[in-house]
Amino acid sequence: PLRGGSRVLTRQVTVSLFNRPEGILEQQALLPVSQSAVLTRSFQTSAISHDIDTAAKFIGAGAATVGVAGSGAGIGTVFGSLIIGYARNPSLKQQLFSYAILGFALSEAMGLFCLMVAFLILFAM
């Protein structure tokens, strides 16, 4: 008796879940195994869809790699300014060099972050 009542309850809940798209996993949890296997849909992607995903990965990784060029330009600007600063005031050589190393480190870090994002797009997604 209790078992029959639970099946009726399960069927009513299942019917109400059929109307919601997010209820598919909940439906499979409530149905017996034999009925759950019928509801399972296999997720298949076509070759065209796979090619589009691959192209999107490569485009995204290429766009993320553009930041490395900006990092190179920033490093060039930092050391160019260091040379100009040496030429204007040689007595500040040590202080200017410490600022240049700080600027180099920050520019290089941004370039490495861009490269890391490019690798994440390629290999983690």
PDB file of N, CA and C in Angstrom:
ATOM      1  N   PRO A   1       0.816  -1.192   0.000  1.00  0.00           N
ATOM      2  CA  PRO A   1       0.000   0.000   0.000  1.00  0.00           C
ATOM      3  C   PRO A   1       0.866   1.265   0.000  1.00  0.00           C
ATOM      4  N   LEU A   2       1.849   1.300   0.841  1.00  0.00           N
ATOM      5  CA  LEU A   2       2.703   2.487   0.897  1.00  0.00           C
ATOM      6  C   LEU A   2       3.508   2.635  -0.389  1.00  0.00           C
ATOM      7  N   ARG A   3       3.914   1.533  -0.933  1.00  0.00           N
ATOM      8  CA  ARG A   3       4.701   1.568  -2.155  1.00  0.00           C
ATOM      9  C   ARG A   3       3.880   2.097  -3.334  1.00  0.00           C
ATOM     10  N   GLY A   4       2.649   1.671  -3.447  1.00  0.00           N
ATOM     11  CA  GLY A   4       1.780   2.156  -4.516  1.00  0.00           C
ATOM     12  C   GLY A   4       1.530   3.651  -4.393  1.00  0.00           C
ATOM     13  N   GLY A   5       1.349   4.127  -3.172  1.00  0.00           N
ATOM     14  CA  GLY A   5       1.142   5.557  -2.953  1.00  0.00           C
ATOM     15  C   GLY A   5       2.373   6.366  -3.324  1.00  0.00           C
ATOM     16  N   SER A   6       3.547   5.830  -3.046  1.00  0.00           N
ATOM     17  CA  SER A   6       4.765   6.569  -3.388  1.00  0.00           C
ATOM     18  C   SER A   6       4.959   6.634  -4.898  1.00  0.00           C
ATOM     19  N   ARG A   7       4.502   5.605  -5.630  1.00  0.00           N
ATOM     20  CA  ARG A   7       4.608   5.648  -7.096  1.00  0.00           C
ATOM     21  C   ARG A   7       3.683   6.715  -7.675  1.00  0.00           C
ATOM     22  N   VAL A   8       2.497   6.847  -7.104  1.00  0.00           N
ATOM     23  CA  VAL A   8       1.574   7.880  -7.574  1.00  0.00           C
ATOM     24  C   VAL A   8       2.180   9.254  -7.309  1.00  0.00           C
ATOM     25  N   LEU A   9       2.739   9.436  -6.124  1.00  0.00           N
ATOM     26  CA  LEU A   9       3.387  10.700  -5.793  1.00  0.00           C
ATOM     27  C   LEU A   9       4.557  10.964  -6.738  1.00  0.00           C
ATOM     28  N   THR A  10       5.351   9.944  -6.999  1.00  0.00           N
ATOM     29  CA  THR A  10       6.477  10.094  -7.918  1.00  0.00           C
ATOM     30  C   THR A  10       5.997  10.483  -9.300  1.00  0.00           C
ATOM     31  N   ARG A  11       4.927   9.857  -9.781  1.00  0.00           N
ATOM     32  CA  ARG A  11       4.413  10.151 -11.114  1.00  0.00           C
ATOM     33  C   ARG A  11       3.919  11.605 -11.186  1.00  0.00           C
ATOM     34  N   GLN A  12       3.231  12.089 -10.122  1.00  0.00           N
ATOM     35  CA  GLN A  12       2.738  13.463 -10.141  1.00  0.00           C
ATOM     36  C   GLN A  12       3.899  14.461 -10.129  1.00  0.00           C
ATOM     37  N   VAL A  13       4.896  14.175  -9.328  1.00  0.00           N
ATOM     38  CA  VAL A  13       6.054  15.060  -9.274  1.00  0.00           C
ATOM     39  C   VAL A  13       6.777  15.046 -10.615  1.00  0.00           C
ATOM     40  N   THR A  14       6.869  13.865 -11.222  1.00  0.00           N
ATOM     41  CA  THR A  14       7.552  13.748 -12.504  1.00  0.00           C
ATOM     42  C   THR A  14       6.830  14.533 -13.583  1.00  0.00           C
ATOM     43  N   VAL A  15       5.519  14.468 -13.605  1.00  0.00           N
ATOM     44  CA  VAL A  15       4.748  15.205 -14.605  1.00  0.00           C
ATOM     45  C   VAL A  15       4.954  16.702 -14.420  1.00  0.00           C
ATOM     46  N   SER A  16       4.994  17.167 -13.176  1.00  0.00           N
ATOM     47  CA  SER A  16       5.202  18.598 -12.953  1.00  0.00           C
ATOM     48  C   SER A  16       6.627  19.011 -13.311  1.00  0.00           C
ATOM     49  N   LEU A  17       7.576  18.100 -13.157  1.00  0.00           N
ATOM     50  CA  LEU A  17       8.952  18.431 -13.496  1.00  0.00           C
ATOM     51  C   LEU A  17       9.196  18.422 -14.995  1.00  0.00           C
ATOM     52  N   PHE A  18       8.362  17.689 -15.739  1.00  0.00           N
ATOM     53  CA  PHE A  18       8.528  17.639 -17.188  1.00  0.00           C
ATOM     54  C   PHE A  18       8.345  19.010 -17.820  1.00  0.00           C
ATOM     55  N   ASN A  19       7.600  19.868 -17.190  1.00  0.00           N
ATOM     56  CA  ASN A  19       7.327  21.181 -17.754  1.00  0.00           C
ATOM     57  C   ASN A  19       8.493  22.145 -17.563  1.00  0.00           C
ATOM     58  N   ARG A  20       9.429  21.821 -16.678  1.00  0.00           N
ATOM     59  CA  ARG A  20      10.572  22.691 -16.432  1.00  0.00           C
ATOM     60  C   ARG A  20      11.820  22.081 -17.069  1.00  0.00           C
ATOM     61  N   PRO A  21      12.635  22.881 -17.762  1.00  0.00           N
ATOM     62  CA  PRO A  21      13.829  22.322 -18.388  1.00  0.00           C
ATOM     63  C   PRO A  21      14.885  21.887 -17.386  1.00  0.00           C
ATOM     64  N   GLU A  22      14.955  22.535 -16.205  1.00  0.00           N
ATOM     65  CA  GLU A  22      15.983  22.166 -15.245  1.00  0.00           C
ATOM     66  C   GLU A  22      15.606  20.938 -14.434  1.00  0.00           C
ATOM     67  N   GLY A  23      14.441  20.387 -14.662  1.00  0.00           N
ATOM     68  CA  GLY A  23      13.982  19.252 -13.878  1.00  0.00           C
ATOM     69  C   GLY A  23      14.424  17.905 -14.395  1.00  0.00           C
ATOM     70  N   ILE A  24      15.244  17.845 -15.423  1.00  0.00           N
ATOM     71  CA  ILE A  24      15.607  16.558 -16.013  1.00  0.00           C
ATOM     72  C   ILE A  24      16.396  15.710 -15.028  1.00  0.00           C
ATOM     73  N   LEU A  25      17.342  16.289 -14.316  1.00  0.00           N
ATOM     74  CA  LEU A  25      18.120  15.514 -13.358  1.00  0.00           C
ATOM     75  C   LEU A  25      17.254  15.067 -12.182  1.00  0.00           C
ATOM     76  N   GLU A  26      16.332  15.926 -11.774  1.00  0.00           N
ATOM     77  CA  GLU A  26      15.436  15.561 -10.686  1.00  0.00           C
ATOM     78  C   GLU A  26      14.512  14.426 -11.119  1.00  0.00           C
ATOM     79  N   GLN A  27      14.093  14.429 -12.376  1.00  0.00           N
ATOM     80  CA  GLN A  27      13.224  13.362 -12.884  1.00  0.00           C
ATOM     81  C   GLN A  27      13.934  12.029 -12.804  1.00  0.00           C
ATOM     82  N   GLN A  28      15.184  12.008 -13.213  1.00  0.00           N
ATOM     83  CA  GLN A  28      15.913  10.752 -13.233  1.00  0.00           C
ATOM     84  C   GLN A  28      16.135  10.231 -11.821  1.00  0.00           C
ATOM     85  N   ALA A  29      16.241  11.122 -10.844  1.00  0.00           N
ATOM     86  CA  ALA A  29      16.416  10.680  -9.470  1.00  0.00           C
ATOM     87  C   ALA A  29      15.129  10.063  -8.923  1.00  0.00           C
ATOM     88  N   LEU A  30      13.969  10.498  -9.404  1.00  0.00           N
ATOM     89  CA  LEU A  30      12.702  10.016  -8.877  1.00  0.00           C
ATOM     90  C   LEU A  30      12.191   8.760  -9.580  1.00  0.00           C
ATOM     91  N   LEU A  31      12.587   8.529 -10.809  1.00  0.00           N
ATOM     92  CA  LEU A  31      12.060   7.401 -11.565  1.00  0.00           C
ATOM     93  C   LEU A  31      12.841   6.131 -11.280  1.00  0.00           C
ATOM     94  N   PRO A  32      12.204   4.984 -11.457  1.00  0.00           N
ATOM     95  CA  PRO A  32      12.951   3.727 -11.371  1.00  0.00           C
ATOM     96  C   PRO A  32      14.016   3.676 -12.462  1.00  0.00           C
ATOM     97  N   VAL A  33      14.982   2.787 -12.297  1.00  0.00           N
ATOM     98  CA  VAL A  33      16.128   2.732 -13.196  1.00  0.00           C
ATOM     99  C   VAL A  33      15.704   2.435 -14.633  1.00  0.00           C
ATOM    100  N   SER A  34      14.743   1.553 -14.833  1.00  0.00           N
ATOM    101  CA  SER A  34      14.336   1.193 -16.193  1.00  0.00           C
ATOM    102  C   SER A  34      13.724   2.388 -16.929  1.00  0.00           C
ATOM    103  N   GLN A  35      12.925   3.192 -16.237  1.00  0.00           N
ATOM    104  CA  GLN A  35      12.332   4.364 -16.878  1.00  0.00           C
ATOM    105  C   GLN A  35      13.353   5.491 -17.024  1.00  0.00           C
ATOM    106  N   SER A  36      14.296   5.559 -16.095  1.00  0.00           N
ATOM    107  CA  SER A  36      15.311   6.600 -16.150  1.00  0.00           C
ATOM    108  C   SER A  36      16.203   6.429 -17.373  1.00  0.00           C
ATOM    109  N   ALA A  37      16.479   5.193 -17.747  1.00  0.00           N
ATOM    110  CA  ALA A  37      17.326   4.941 -18.912  1.00  0.00           C
ATOM    111  C   ALA A  37      16.646   5.410 -20.192  1.00  0.00           C
ATOM    112  N   VAL A  38      15.332   5.363 -20.234  1.00  0.00           N
ATOM    113  CA  VAL A  38      14.607   5.802 -21.421  1.00  0.00           C
ATOM    114  C   VAL A  38      14.675   7.322 -21.553  1.00  0.00           C
ATOM    115  N   LEU A  39      14.626   8.036 -20.427  1.00  0.00           N
ATOM    116  CA  LEU A  39      14.627   9.494 -20.469  1.00  0.00           C
ATOM    117  C   LEU A  39      16.001  10.093 -20.746  1.00  0.00           C
ATOM    118  N   THR A  40      17.056   9.318 -20.534  1.00  0.00           N
ATOM    119  CA  THR A  40      18.398   9.847 -20.710  1.00  0.00           C
ATOM    120  C   THR A  40      18.652  10.154 -22.175  1.00  0.00           C
ATOM    121  N   ARG A  41      19.075  11.381 -22.437  1.00  0.00           N
ATOM    122  CA  ARG A  41      19.415  11.768 -23.797  1.00  0.00           C
ATOM    123  C   ARG A  41      20.927  11.830 -23.918  1.00  0.00           C
ATOM    124  N   SER A  42      21.448  11.284 -24.971  1.00  0.00           N
ATOM    125  CA  SER A  42      22.892  11.357 -25.151  1.00  0.00           C
ATOM    126  C   SER A  42      23.243  12.721 -25.729  1.00  0.00           C
ATOM    127  N   PHE A  43      24.332  13.282 -25.234  1.00  0.00           N
ATOM    128  CA  PHE A  43      24.784  14.598 -25.678  1.00  0.00           C
ATOM    129  C   PHE A  43      25.804  14.388 -26.783  1.00  0.00           C
ATOM    130  N   GLN A  44      25.430  14.731 -27.991  1.00  0.00           N
ATOM    131  CA  GLN A  44      26.322  14.555 -29.125  1.00  0.00           C
ATOM    132  C   GLN A  44      26.545  15.906 -29.785  1.00  0.00           C
ATOM    133  N   THR A  45      27.783  16.138 -30.165  1.00  0.00           N
ATOM    134  CA  THR A  45      28.085  17.354 -30.901  1.00  0.00           C
ATOM    135  C   THR A  45      28.486  16.974 -32.315  1.00  0.00           C
ATOM    136  N   SER A  46      28.107  17.790 -33.236  1.00  0.00           N
ATOM    137  CA  SER A  46      28.455  17.516 -34.623  1.00  0.00           C
ATOM    138  C   SER A  46      29.889  17.965 -34.889  1.00  0.00           C
ATOM    139  N   ALA A  47      30.408  17.562 -36.026  1.00  0.00           N
ATOM    140  CA  ALA A  47      31.766  17.959 -36.400  1.00  0.00           C
ATOM    141  C   ALA A  47      31.853  19.466 -36.606  1.00  0.00           C
ATOM    142  N   ILE A  48      30.798  20.056 -37.142  1.00  0.00           N
ATOM    143  CA  ILE A  48      30.798  21.506 -37.368  1.00  0.00           C
ATOM    144  C   ILE A  48      30.835  22.246 -36.038  1.00  0.00           C
ATOM    145  N   SER A  49      30.044  21.794 -35.087  1.00  0.00           N
ATOM    146  CA  SER A  49      30.022  22.424 -33.768  1.00  0.00           C
ATOM    147  C   SER A  49      31.375  22.292 -33.081  1.00  0.00           C
ATOM    148  N   HIS A  50      32.003  21.134 -33.220  1.00  0.00           N
ATOM    149  CA  HIS A  50      33.326  20.920 -32.627  1.00  0.00           C
ATOM    150  C   HIS A  50      34.360  21.841 -33.276  1.00  0.00           C
ATOM    151  N   ASP A  51      34.273  22.004 -34.598  1.00  0.00           N
ATOM    152  CA  ASP A  51      35.201  22.893 -35.297  1.00  0.00           C
ATOM    153  C   ASP A  51      35.009  24.346 -34.872  1.00  0.00           C
ATOM    154  N   ILE A  52      33.775  24.751 -34.657  1.00  0.00           N
ATOM    155  CA  ILE A  52      33.503  26.119 -34.209  1.00  0.00           C
ATOM    156  C   ILE A  52      34.069  26.337 -32.810  1.00  0.00           C
ATOM    157  N   ASP A  53      33.906  25.350 -31.928  1.00  0.00           N
ATOM    158  CA  ASP A  53      34.462  25.465 -30.577  1.00  0.00           C
ATOM    159  C   ASP A  53      35.983  25.560 -30.613  1.00  0.00           C
ATOM    160  N   THR A  54      36.603  24.749 -31.462  1.00  0.00           N
ATOM    161  CA  THR A  54      38.061  24.782 -31.577  1.00  0.00           C
ATOM    162  C   THR A  54      38.532  26.126 -32.126  1.00  0.00           C
ATOM    163  N   ALA A  55      37.839  26.641 -33.126  1.00  0.00           N
ATOM    164  CA  ALA A  55      38.206  27.944 -33.684  1.00  0.00           C
ATOM    165  C   ALA A  55      38.047  29.045 -32.635  1.00  0.00           C
ATOM    166  N   ALA A  56      36.992  28.966 -31.834  1.00  0.00           N
ATOM    167  CA  ALA A  56      36.780  29.966 -30.782  1.00  0.00           C
ATOM    168  C   ALA A  56      37.900  29.912 -29.751  1.00  0.00           C
ATOM    169  N   LYS A  57      38.370  28.701 -29.426  1.00  0.00           N
ATOM    170  CA  LYS A  57      39.492  28.574 -28.493  1.00  0.00           C
ATOM    171  C   LYS A  57      40.736  29.258 -29.046  1.00  0.00           C
ATOM    172  N   PHE A  58      41.041  28.995 -30.309  1.00  0.00           N
ATOM    173  CA  PHE A  58      42.245  29.572 -30.898  1.00  0.00           C
ATOM    174  C   PHE A  58      42.136  31.089 -31.029  1.00  0.00           C
ATOM    175  N   ILE A  59      40.971  31.581 -31.369  1.00  0.00           N
ATOM    176  CA  ILE A  59      40.780  33.033 -31.470  1.00  0.00           C
ATOM    177  C   ILE A  59      40.922  33.678 -30.092  1.00  0.00           C
ATOM    178  N   GLY A  60      40.336  33.067 -29.071  1.00  0.00           N
ATOM    179  CA  GLY A  60      40.446  33.604 -27.714  1.00  0.00           C
ATOM    180  C   GLY A  60      41.873  33.581 -27.201  1.00  0.00           C
ATOM    181  N   ALA A  61      42.592  32.482 -27.476  1.00  0.00           N
ATOM    182  CA  ALA A  61      43.985  32.400 -27.033  1.00  0.00           C
ATOM    183  C   ALA A  61      44.841  33.425 -27.768  1.00  0.00           C
ATOM    184  N   GLY A  62      44.565  33.624 -29.045  1.00  0.00           N
ATOM    185  CA  GLY A  62      45.311  34.638 -29.795  1.00  0.00           C
ATOM    186  C   GLY A  62      45.039  36.038 -29.281  1.00  0.00           C
ATOM    187  N   ALA A  63      43.793  36.304 -28.941  1.00  0.00           N
ATOM    188  CA  ALA A  63      43.450  37.621 -28.399  1.00  0.00           C
ATOM    189  C   ALA A  63      44.103  37.842 -27.041  1.00  0.00           C
ATOM    190  N   ALA A  64      44.208  36.786 -26.236  1.00  0.00           N
ATOM    191  CA  ALA A  64      44.854  36.922 -24.929  1.00  0.00           C
ATOM    192  C   ALA A  64      46.361  37.112 -25.079  1.00  0.00           C
ATOM    193  N   THR A  65      46.936  36.572 -26.147  1.00  0.00           N
ATOM    194  CA  THR A  65      48.376  36.685 -26.359  1.00  0.00           C
ATOM    195  C   THR A  65      48.776  38.089 -26.799  1.00  0.00           C
ATOM    196  N   VAL A  66      47.848  38.881 -27.289  1.00  0.00           N
ATOM    197  CA  VAL A  66      48.153  40.253 -27.706  1.00  0.00           C
ATOM    198  C   VAL A  66      48.709  41.053 -26.529  1.00  0.00           C
ATOM    199  N   GLY A  67      48.296  40.720 -25.323  1.00  0.00           N
ATOM    200  CA  GLY A  67      48.795  41.419 -24.141  1.00  0.00           C
ATOM    201  C   GLY A  67      50.284  41.249 -23.934  1.00  0.00           C
ATOM    202  N   VAL A  68      50.862  40.163 -24.450  1.00  0.00           N
ATOM    203  CA  VAL A  68      52.304  39.959 -24.323  1.00  0.00           C
ATOM    204  C   VAL A  68      53.052  41.021 -25.130  1.00  0.00           C
ATOM    205  N   ALA A  69      52.513  41.403 -26.271  1.00  0.00           N
ATOM    206  CA  ALA A  69      53.137  42.469 -27.068  1.00  0.00           C
ATOM    207  C   ALA A  69      53.098  43.793 -26.302  1.00  0.00           C
ATOM    208  N   GLY A  70      52.000  44.050 -25.619  1.00  0.00           N
ATOM    209  CA  GLY A  70      51.911  45.255 -24.796  1.00  0.00           C
ATOM    210  C   GLY A  70      52.932  45.250 -23.677  1.00  0.00           C
ATOM    211  N   SER A  71      53.170  44.072 -23.126  1.00  0.00           N
ATOM    212  CA  SER A  71      54.173  43.952 -22.078  1.00  0.00           C
ATOM    213  C   SER A  71      55.563  44.263 -22.622  1.00  0.00           C
ATOM    214  N   GLY A  72      55.857  43.768 -23.817  1.00  0.00           N
ATOM    215  CA  GLY A  72      57.154  44.065 -24.436  1.00  0.00           C
ATOM    216  C   GLY A  72      57.328  45.551 -24.695  1.00  0.00           C
ATOM    217  N   ALA A  73      56.274  46.195 -25.159  1.00  0.00           N
ATOM    218  CA  ALA A  73      56.337  47.642 -25.390  1.00  0.00           C
ATOM    219  C   ALA A  73      56.533  48.387 -24.073  1.00  0.00           C
ATOM    220  N   GLY A  74      55.881  47.921 -23.016  1.00  0.00           N
ATOM    221  CA  GLY A  74      56.034  48.558 -21.705  1.00  0.00           C
ATOM    222  C   GLY A  74      57.442  48.429 -21.161  1.00  0.00           C
ATOM    223  N   ILE A  75      58.040  47.254 -21.342  1.00  0.00           N
ATOM    224  CA  ILE A  75      59.416  47.054 -20.870  1.00  0.00           C
ATOM    225  C   ILE A  75      60.376  47.955 -21.649  1.00  0.00           C
ATOM    226  N   GLY A  76      60.153  48.066 -22.952  1.00  0.00           N
ATOM    227  CA  GLY A  76      60.985  48.962 -23.758  1.00  0.00           C
ATOM    228  C   GLY A  76      60.856  50.407 -23.316  1.00  0.00           C
ATOM    229  N   THR A  77      59.650  50.819 -22.994  1.00  0.00           N
ATOM    230  CA  THR A  77      59.421  52.191 -22.524  1.00  0.00           C
ATOM    231  C   THR A  77      60.112  52.435 -21.182  1.00  0.00           C
ATOM    232  N   VAL A  78      60.052  51.447 -20.288  1.00  0.00           N
ATOM    233  CA  VAL A  78      60.674  51.597 -18.967  1.00  0.00           C
ATOM    234  C   VAL A  78      62.180  51.787 -19.106  1.00  0.00           C
ATOM    235  N   PHE A  79      62.827  50.934 -19.896  1.00  0.00           N
ATOM    236  CA  PHE A  79      64.286  51.044 -19.998  1.00  0.00           C
ATOM    237  C   PHE A  79      64.708  52.228 -20.873  1.00  0.00           C
ATOM    238  N   GLY A  80      63.868  52.608 -21.836  1.00  0.00           N
ATOM    239  CA  GLY A  80      64.151  53.834 -22.590  1.00  0.00           C
ATOM    240  C   GLY A  80      64.116  55.054 -21.686  1.00  0.00           C
ATOM    241  N   SER A  81      63.133  55.093 -20.802  1.00  0.00           N
ATOM    242  CA  SER A  81      63.044  56.203 -19.842  1.00  0.00           C
ATOM    243  C   SER A  81      64.200  56.164 -18.850  1.00  0.00           C
ATOM    244  N   LEU A  82      64.675  54.965 -18.519  1.00  0.00           N
ATOM    245  CA  LEU A  82      65.828  54.846 -17.620  1.00  0.00           C
ATOM    246  C   LEU A  82      67.065  55.476 -18.259  1.00  0.00           C
ATOM    247  N   ILE A  83      67.288  55.215 -19.524  1.00  0.00           N
ATOM    248  CA  ILE A  83      68.450  55.784 -20.215  1.00  0.00           C
ATOM    249  C   ILE A  83      68.328  57.306 -20.301  1.00  0.00           C
ATOM    250  N   ILE A  84      67.133  57.797 -20.595  1.00  0.00           N
ATOM    251  CA  ILE A  84      66.929  59.254 -20.642  1.00  0.00           C
ATOM    252  C   ILE A  84      67.172  59.866 -19.260  1.00  0.00           C
ATOM    253  N   GLY A  85      66.718  59.182 -18.203  1.00  0.00           N
ATOM    254  CA  GLY A  85      66.943  59.675 -16.844  1.00  0.00           C
ATOM    255  C   GLY A  85      68.409  59.690 -16.477  1.00  0.00           C
ATOM    256  N   TYR A  86      69.172  58.650 -16.893  1.00  0.00           N
ATOM    257  CA  TYR A  86      70.624  58.647 -16.664  1.00  0.00           C
ATOM    258  C   TYR A  86      71.278  59.830 -17.361  1.00  0.00           C
ATOM    259  N   ALA A  87      70.851  60.095 -18.584  1.00  0.00           N
ATOM    260  CA  ALA A  87      71.462  61.179 -19.356  1.00  0.00           C
ATOM    261  C   ALA A  87      71.174  62.539 -18.721  1.00  0.00           C
ATOM    262  N   ARG A  88      70.009  62.707 -18.142  1.00  0.00           N
ATOM    263  CA  ARG A  88      69.658  64.005 -17.550  1.00  0.00           C
ATOM    264  C   ARG A  88      70.295  64.218 -16.184  1.00  0.00           C
ATOM    265  N   ASN A  89      70.335  63.157 -15.377  1.00  0.00           N
ATOM    266  CA  ASN A  89      70.860  63.327 -14.018  1.00  0.00           C
ATOM    267  C   ASN A  89      71.588  62.048 -13.593  1.00  0.00           C
ATOM    268  N   PRO A  90      72.882  61.951 -13.878  1.00  0.00           N
ATOM    269  CA  PRO A  90      73.628  60.727 -13.549  1.00  0.00           C
ATOM    270  C   PRO A  90      73.749  60.457 -12.046  1.00  0.00           C
ATOM    271  N   SER A  91      73.567  61.472 -11.220  1.00  0.00           N
ATOM    272  CA  SER A  91      73.714  61.259  -9.775  1.00  0.00           C
ATOM    273  C   SER A  91      72.570  60.422  -9.183  1.00  0.00           C
ATOM    274  N   LEU A  92      71.436  60.334  -9.880  1.00  0.00           N
ATOM    275  CA  LEU A  92      70.298  59.541  -9.390  1.00  0.00           C
ATOM    276  C   LEU A  92      70.298  58.114  -9.949  1.00  0.00           C
ATOM    277  N   LYS A  93      71.477  57.647 -10.354  1.00  0.00           N
ATOM    278  CA  LYS A  93      71.568  56.362 -11.051  1.00  0.00           C
ATOM    279  C   LYS A  93      70.939  55.219 -10.252  1.00  0.00           C
ATOM    280  N   GLN A  94      71.270  55.086  -8.983  1.00  0.00           N
ATOM    281  CA  GLN A  94      70.770  53.949  -8.194  1.00  0.00           C
ATOM    282  C   GLN A  94      69.257  54.027  -7.979  1.00  0.00           C
ATOM    283  N   GLN A  95      68.727  55.194  -7.674  1.00  0.00           N
ATOM    284  CA  GLN A  95      67.289  55.337  -7.454  1.00  0.00           C
ATOM    285  C   GLN A  95      66.511  55.093  -8.751  1.00  0.00           C
ATOM    286  N   LEU A  96      67.014  55.615  -9.870  1.00  0.00           N
ATOM    287  CA  LEU A  96      66.344  55.385 -11.151  1.00  0.00           C
ATOM    288  C   LEU A  96      66.355  53.903 -11.525  1.00  0.00           C
ATOM    289  N   PHE A  97      67.471  53.227 -11.221  1.00  0.00           N
ATOM    290  CA  PHE A  97      67.555  51.804 -11.559  1.00  0.00           C
ATOM    291  C   PHE A  97      66.550  50.988 -10.744  1.00  0.00           C
ATOM    292  N   SER A  98      66.363  51.324  -9.477  1.00  0.00           N
ATOM    293  CA  SER A  98      65.391  50.577  -8.662  1.00  0.00           C
ATOM    294  C   SER A  98      63.965  50.796  -9.179  1.00  0.00           C
ATOM    295  N   TYR A  99      63.665  52.019  -9.606  1.00  0.00           N
ATOM    296  CA  TYR A  99      62.344  52.270 -10.201  1.00  0.00           C
ATOM    297  C   TYR A  99      62.180  51.517 -11.525  1.00  0.00           C
ATOM    298  N   ALA A 100      63.251  51.449 -12.294  1.00  0.00           N
ATOM    299  CA  ALA A 100      63.191  50.740 -13.574  1.00  0.00           C
ATOM    300  C   ALA A 100      62.952  49.247 -13.356  1.00  0.00           C
ATOM    301  N   ILE A 101      63.599  48.671 -12.369  1.00  0.00           N
ATOM    302  CA  ILE A 101      63.394  47.242 -12.085  1.00  0.00           C
ATOM    303  C   ILE A 101      61.957  47.000 -11.627  1.00  0.00           C
ATOM    304  N   LEU A 102      61.405  47.907 -10.830  1.00  0.00           N
ATOM    305  CA  LEU A 102      60.008  47.777 -10.412  1.00  0.00           C
ATOM    306  C   LEU A 102      59.068  47.862 -11.619  1.00  0.00           C
ATOM    307  N   GLY A 103      59.308  48.813 -12.507  1.00  0.00           N
ATOM    308  CA  GLY A 103      58.493  48.928 -13.719  1.00  0.00           C
ATOM    309  C   GLY A 103      58.626  47.711 -14.611  1.00  0.00           C
ATOM    310  N   PHE A 104      59.850  47.184 -14.719  1.00  0.00           N
ATOM    311  CA  PHE A 104      60.068  45.969 -15.512  1.00  0.00           C
ATOM    312  C   PHE A 104      59.281  44.799 -14.930  1.00  0.00           C
ATOM    313  N   ALA A 105      59.326  44.642 -13.613  1.00  0.00           N
ATOM    314  CA  ALA A 105      58.635  43.516 -12.973  1.00  0.00           C
ATOM    315  C   ALA A 105      57.123  43.607 -13.171  1.00  0.00           C
ATOM    316  N   LEU A 106      56.570  44.806 -13.033  1.00  0.00           N
ATOM    317  CA  LEU A 106      55.125  44.958 -13.217  1.00  0.00           C
ATOM    318  C   LEU A 106      54.709  44.710 -14.664  1.00  0.00           C
ATOM    319  N   SER A 107      55.500  45.208 -15.612  1.00  0.00           N
ATOM    320  CA  SER A 107      55.180  44.975 -17.028  1.00  0.00           C
ATOM    321  C   SER A 107      55.302  43.501 -17.380  1.00  0.00           C
ATOM    322  N   GLU A 108      56.338  42.867 -16.886  1.00  0.00           N
ATOM    323  CA  GLU A 108      56.537  41.443 -17.173  1.00  0.00           C
ATOM    324  C   GLU A 108      55.431  40.603 -16.540  1.00  0.00           C
ATOM    325  N   ALA A 109      54.985  40.978 -15.352  1.00  0.00           N
ATOM    326  CA  ALA A 109      53.901  40.231 -14.699  1.00  0.00           C
ATOM    327  C   ALA A 109      52.624  40.298 -15.522  1.00  0.00           C
ATOM    328  N   MET A 110      52.319  41.464 -16.068  1.00  0.00           N
ATOM    329  CA  MET A 110      51.110  41.571 -16.900  1.00  0.00           C
ATOM    330  C   MET A 110      51.229  40.706 -18.149  1.00  0.00           C
ATOM    331  N   GLY A 111      52.406  40.663 -18.747  1.00  0.00           N
ATOM    332  CA  GLY A 111      52.612  39.799 -19.906  1.00  0.00           C
ATOM    333  C   GLY A 111      52.452  38.334 -19.555  1.00  0.00           C
ATOM    334  N   LEU A 112      52.970  37.942 -18.409  1.00  0.00           N
ATOM    335  CA  LEU A 112      52.834  36.542 -17.983  1.00  0.00           C
ATOM    336  C   LEU A 112      51.387  36.194 -17.655  1.00  0.00           C
ATOM    337  N   PHE A 113      50.643  37.146 -17.096  1.00  0.00           N
ATOM    338  CA  PHE A 113      49.219  36.889 -16.848  1.00  0.00           C
ATOM    339  C   PHE A 113      48.468  36.670 -18.157  1.00  0.00           C
ATOM    340  N   CYS A 114      48.789  37.472 -19.162  1.00  0.00           N
ATOM    341  CA  CYS A 114      48.137  37.295 -20.471  1.00  0.00           C
ATOM    342  C   CYS A 114      48.477  35.935 -21.062  1.00  0.00           C
ATOM    343  N   LEU A 115      49.732  35.531 -20.939  1.00  0.00           N
ATOM    344  CA  LEU A 115      50.139  34.225 -21.454  1.00  0.00           C
ATOM    345  C   LEU A 115      49.452  33.097 -20.692  1.00  0.00           C
ATOM    346  N   MET A 116      49.319  33.261 -19.379  1.00  0.00           N
ATOM    347  CA  MET A 116      48.642  32.251 -18.569  1.00  0.00           C
ATOM    348  C   MET A 116      47.176  32.113 -18.981  1.00  0.00           C
ATOM    349  N   VAL A 117      46.505  33.223 -19.226  1.00  0.00           N
ATOM    350  CA  VAL A 117      45.105  33.176 -19.662  1.00  0.00           C
ATOM    351  C   VAL A 117      44.996  32.489 -21.019  1.00  0.00           C
ATOM    352  N   ALA A 118      45.958  32.751 -21.909  1.00  0.00           N
ATOM    353  CA  ALA A 118      45.940  32.094 -23.220  1.00  0.00           C
ATOM    354  C   ALA A 118      46.065  30.582 -23.068  1.00  0.00           C
ATOM    355  N   PHE A 119      46.962  30.129 -22.198  1.00  0.00           N
ATOM    356  CA  PHE A 119      47.110  28.684 -21.984  1.00  0.00           C
ATOM    357  C   PHE A 119      45.881  28.090 -21.309  1.00  0.00           C
ATOM    358  N   LEU A 120      45.269  28.833 -20.407  1.00  0.00           N
ATOM    359  CA  LEU A 120      44.035  28.339 -19.781  1.00  0.00           C
ATOM    360  C   LEU A 120      42.923  28.180 -20.810  1.00  0.00           C
ATOM    361  N   ILE A 121      42.814  29.134 -21.715  1.00  0.00           N
ATOM    362  CA  ILE A 121      41.788  29.033 -22.757  1.00  0.00           C
ATOM    363  C   ILE A 121      42.050  27.821 -23.640  1.00  0.00           C
ATOM    364  N   LEU A 122      43.317  27.595 -23.983  1.00  0.00           N
ATOM    365  CA  LEU A 122      43.638  26.483 -24.883  1.00  0.00           C
ATOM    366  C   LEU A 122      43.458  25.117 -24.235  1.00  0.00           C
ATOM    367  N   PHE A 123      43.951  24.953 -23.008  1.00  0.00           N
ATOM    368  CA  PHE A 123      44.045  23.612 -22.443  1.00  0.00           C
ATOM    369  C   PHE A 123      43.065  23.306 -21.324  1.00  0.00           C
ATOM    370  N   ALA A 124      42.425  24.305 -20.734  1.00  0.00           N
ATOM    371  CA  ALA A 124      41.531  24.025 -19.607  1.00  0.00           C
ATOM    372  C   ALA A 124      40.064  24.071 -19.989  1.00  0.00           C
ATOM    373  N   MET A 125      39.723  24.585 -21.146  1.00  0.00           N
ATOM    374  CA  MET A 125      38.317  24.683 -21.537  1.00  0.00           C
ATOM    375  C   MET A 125      37.986  23.645 -22.582  1.00  0.00           C
TER     376      MET A 125
END
